Amino acid sequence: MIKTILCAVDINRPKDEAQVVKEAKKLADLDGAQLDVITVVPDFGANVVSAYFKDHDVKSAQDGAAKLLNEMAADVIGAEANKDVRHLVAVGSVYEEVLKAAKLSKAGLIVIGAHRADFKDYLLGPNAARVVRHSNCSVYVVR
């Protein structure tokens, strides 16, 4: 029996991610599991652009992401069901932060969407593939 399901979404693609959240909610309901929904804000400190951003800019991005994540989940599963969801906003690399959150929450399942790969994804590997490859728990990929 799965106790926690971690659903990873990109809040910049709410229409594309709606099905991912629906599937995660359905799976959580089947096992009576806690549903956690995570989005990841890029870490500007890790690249050349960081010189143009201050710490408060990253904090503002996190706060904005938390608001959008909450709204997206409520729109998809309803406000009442959303009250029981834990909303997580991480800063950094998507796949690393998703894996870290799954480990910390002892998730038994990660639900993530598969998106059409851009050319850069063929060189670096898409986040979903990296999560599948490196996760210690099962991963459900929504197409």
Protein backbone atom coordinates (compact mmCIF):
# COMPACT_ATOMS: atom_id res chain seq x y z
CA MET A 1 0.00 0.00 0.00
CA ILE A 2 1.33 3.41 -0.98
CA LYS A 3 1.19 6.05 1.75
CA THR A 4 2.44 9.10 -0.19
CA ILE A 5 2.26 10.00 -3.88
CA LEU A 6 4.42 12.81 -5.24
CA CYS A 7 3.06 14.53 -8.34
CA ALA A 8 5.60 16.68 -10.22
CA VAL A 9 4.21 19.43 -12.44
CA ASP A 10 5.37 22.42 -14.44
CA ILE A 11 3.15 25.34 -13.44
CA ASN A 12 4.03 27.10 -16.69
CA ARG A 13 2.01 24.45 -18.55
CA PRO A 14 -1.24 24.21 -16.56
CA LYS A 15 -3.34 22.74 -19.40
CA ASP A 16 -0.75 20.08 -20.21
CA GLU A 17 -0.23 19.23 -16.55
CA ALA A 18 -3.94 18.95 -15.65
CA GLN A 19 -4.04 15.29 -16.70
CA VAL A 20 -0.96 14.55 -14.59
CA VAL A 21 -2.65 15.98 -11.48
CA LYS A 22 -5.91 14.11 -12.26
CA GLU A 23 -4.06 10.79 -12.56
CA ALA A 24 -2.11 11.40 -9.35
CA LYS A 25 -5.32 12.25 -7.46
CA LYS A 26 -7.02 9.14 -8.80
CA LEU A 27 -4.10 6.95 -7.72
CA ALA A 28 -3.94 8.61 -4.29
CA ASP A 29 -7.66 8.01 -3.80
CA LEU A 30 -7.27 4.31 -4.68
CA ASP A 31 -4.79 3.76 -1.83
CA GLY A 32 -6.00 6.48 0.52
CA ALA A 33 -2.53 8.01 0.09
CA GLN A 34 -1.34 11.52 0.88
CA LEU A 35 -1.00 13.53 -2.32
CA ASP A 36 1.94 15.92 -2.56
CA VAL A 37 2.24 18.19 -5.60
CA ILE A 38 5.62 19.73 -6.40
CA THR A 39 6.91 22.28 -8.86
CA VAL A 40 10.49 23.42 -9.24
CA VAL A 41 11.68 26.98 -9.77
CA PRO A 42 15.02 27.21 -11.62
CA ASP A 43 18.03 28.11 -9.49
CA PHE A 44 19.37 31.32 -10.99
CA GLY A 45 22.44 31.04 -8.78
CA ALA A 46 23.71 28.16 -10.88
CA ASN A 47 24.35 30.10 -14.07
CA VAL A 48 25.78 33.27 -15.54
CA VAL A 49 22.42 35.06 -15.32
CA SER A 50 22.57 34.99 -11.52
CA ALA A 51 24.40 38.30 -11.46
CA TYR A 52 21.16 39.98 -12.55
CA PHE A 53 18.99 38.39 -9.88
CA LYS A 54 18.86 39.06 -6.17
CA ASP A 55 17.80 36.65 -3.41
CA HIS A 56 14.46 38.44 -3.14
CA ASP A 57 13.83 37.71 -6.85
CA VAL A 58 14.16 33.97 -6.21
CA LYS A 59 11.93 34.30 -3.12
CA SER A 60 9.35 36.20 -5.20
CA ALA A 61 9.49 33.48 -7.85
CA GLN A 62 8.95 30.82 -5.15
CA ASP A 63 6.00 32.69 -3.68
CA GLY A 64 4.46 33.17 -7.11
CA ALA A 65 5.01 29.52 -7.94
CA ALA A 66 3.33 28.44 -4.68
CA LYS A 67 0.27 30.53 -5.50
CA LEU A 68 0.08 29.18 -9.07
CA LEU A 69 0.58 25.60 -7.88
CA ASN A 70 -2.23 25.91 -5.35
CA GLU A 71 -4.55 27.47 -7.93
CA MET A 72 -3.72 24.84 -10.54
CA ALA A 73 -4.38 21.95 -8.16
CA ALA A 74 -7.66 23.52 -6.99
CA ASP A 75 -8.79 24.05 -10.59
CA VAL A 76 -8.06 20.44 -11.50
CA ILE A 77 -9.24 18.48 -8.45
CA GLY A 78 -11.51 21.01 -6.77
CA ALA A 79 -10.99 23.34 -3.83
CA GLU A 80 -12.25 20.85 -1.23
CA ALA A 81 -9.89 18.04 -2.30
CA ASN A 82 -7.04 20.53 -2.66
CA LYS A 83 -7.21 21.31 1.07
CA ASP A 84 -5.66 17.90 1.81
CA VAL A 85 -2.87 18.25 -0.76
CA ARG A 86 0.61 19.27 0.35
CA HIS A 87 2.00 21.86 -2.08
CA LEU A 88 5.78 21.94 -2.44
CA VAL A 89 7.93 24.47 -4.27
CA ALA A 90 11.60 23.64 -4.65
CA VAL A 91 14.44 25.63 -6.19
CA GLY A 92 17.04 23.95 -8.36
CA SER A 93 17.23 21.22 -10.96
CA VAL A 94 13.83 19.63 -11.65
CA TYR A 95 14.81 15.98 -11.52
CA GLU A 96 17.15 16.42 -8.54
CA GLU A 97 14.52 18.28 -6.50
CA VAL A 98 11.77 15.79 -7.39
CA LEU A 99 13.96 12.89 -6.31
CA LYS A 100 14.95 14.72 -3.11
CA ALA A 101 11.30 15.46 -2.26
CA ALA A 102 10.31 11.85 -2.95
CA LYS A 103 13.01 10.62 -0.59
CA LEU A 104 12.14 13.11 2.17
CA SER A 105 8.41 12.34 2.00
CA LYS A 106 9.05 8.60 1.65
CA ALA A 107 6.88 8.61 -1.47
CA GLY A 108 5.89 5.21 -2.74
CA LEU A 109 5.07 6.59 -6.17
CA ILE A 110 6.06 9.58 -8.29
CA VAL A 111 3.63 10.76 -10.96
CA ILE A 112 5.16 12.89 -13.72
CA GLY A 113 4.20 13.93 -17.22
CA ALA A 114 6.04 13.03 -20.39
CA HIS A 115 6.26 15.89 -22.84
CA ARG A 116 7.36 16.00 -26.41
CA ALA A 117 11.10 16.33 -26.32
CA ASP A 118 12.83 19.45 -27.58
CA PHE A 119 16.15 19.02 -29.33
CA LYS A 120 17.99 20.00 -26.14
CA ASP A 121 16.26 17.12 -24.31
CA TYR A 122 17.83 14.61 -26.67
CA LEU A 123 21.23 15.87 -25.58
CA LEU A 124 20.55 16.25 -21.83
CA GLY A 125 17.73 13.77 -21.27
CA PRO A 126 14.25 14.93 -20.25
CA ASN A 127 13.39 15.30 -16.58
CA ALA A 128 10.87 12.43 -16.64
CA ALA A 129 13.51 10.04 -17.99
CA ARG A 130 15.99 11.09 -15.33
CA VAL A 131 13.42 10.67 -12.58
CA VAL A 132 12.53 7.19 -13.88
CA ARG A 133 16.18 6.23 -14.16
CA HIS A 134 17.26 7.41 -10.71
CA SER A 135 14.17 7.01 -8.51
CA ASN A 136 14.12 4.58 -5.60
CA CYS A 137 10.33 4.22 -5.89
CA SER A 138 7.94 3.46 -8.73
CA VAL A 139 7.28 6.19 -11.29
CA TYR A 140 4.03 6.56 -13.21
CA VAL A 141 4.55 8.53 -16.42
CA VAL A 142 1.45 10.24 -17.83
CA ARG A 143 1.47 10.69 -21.59
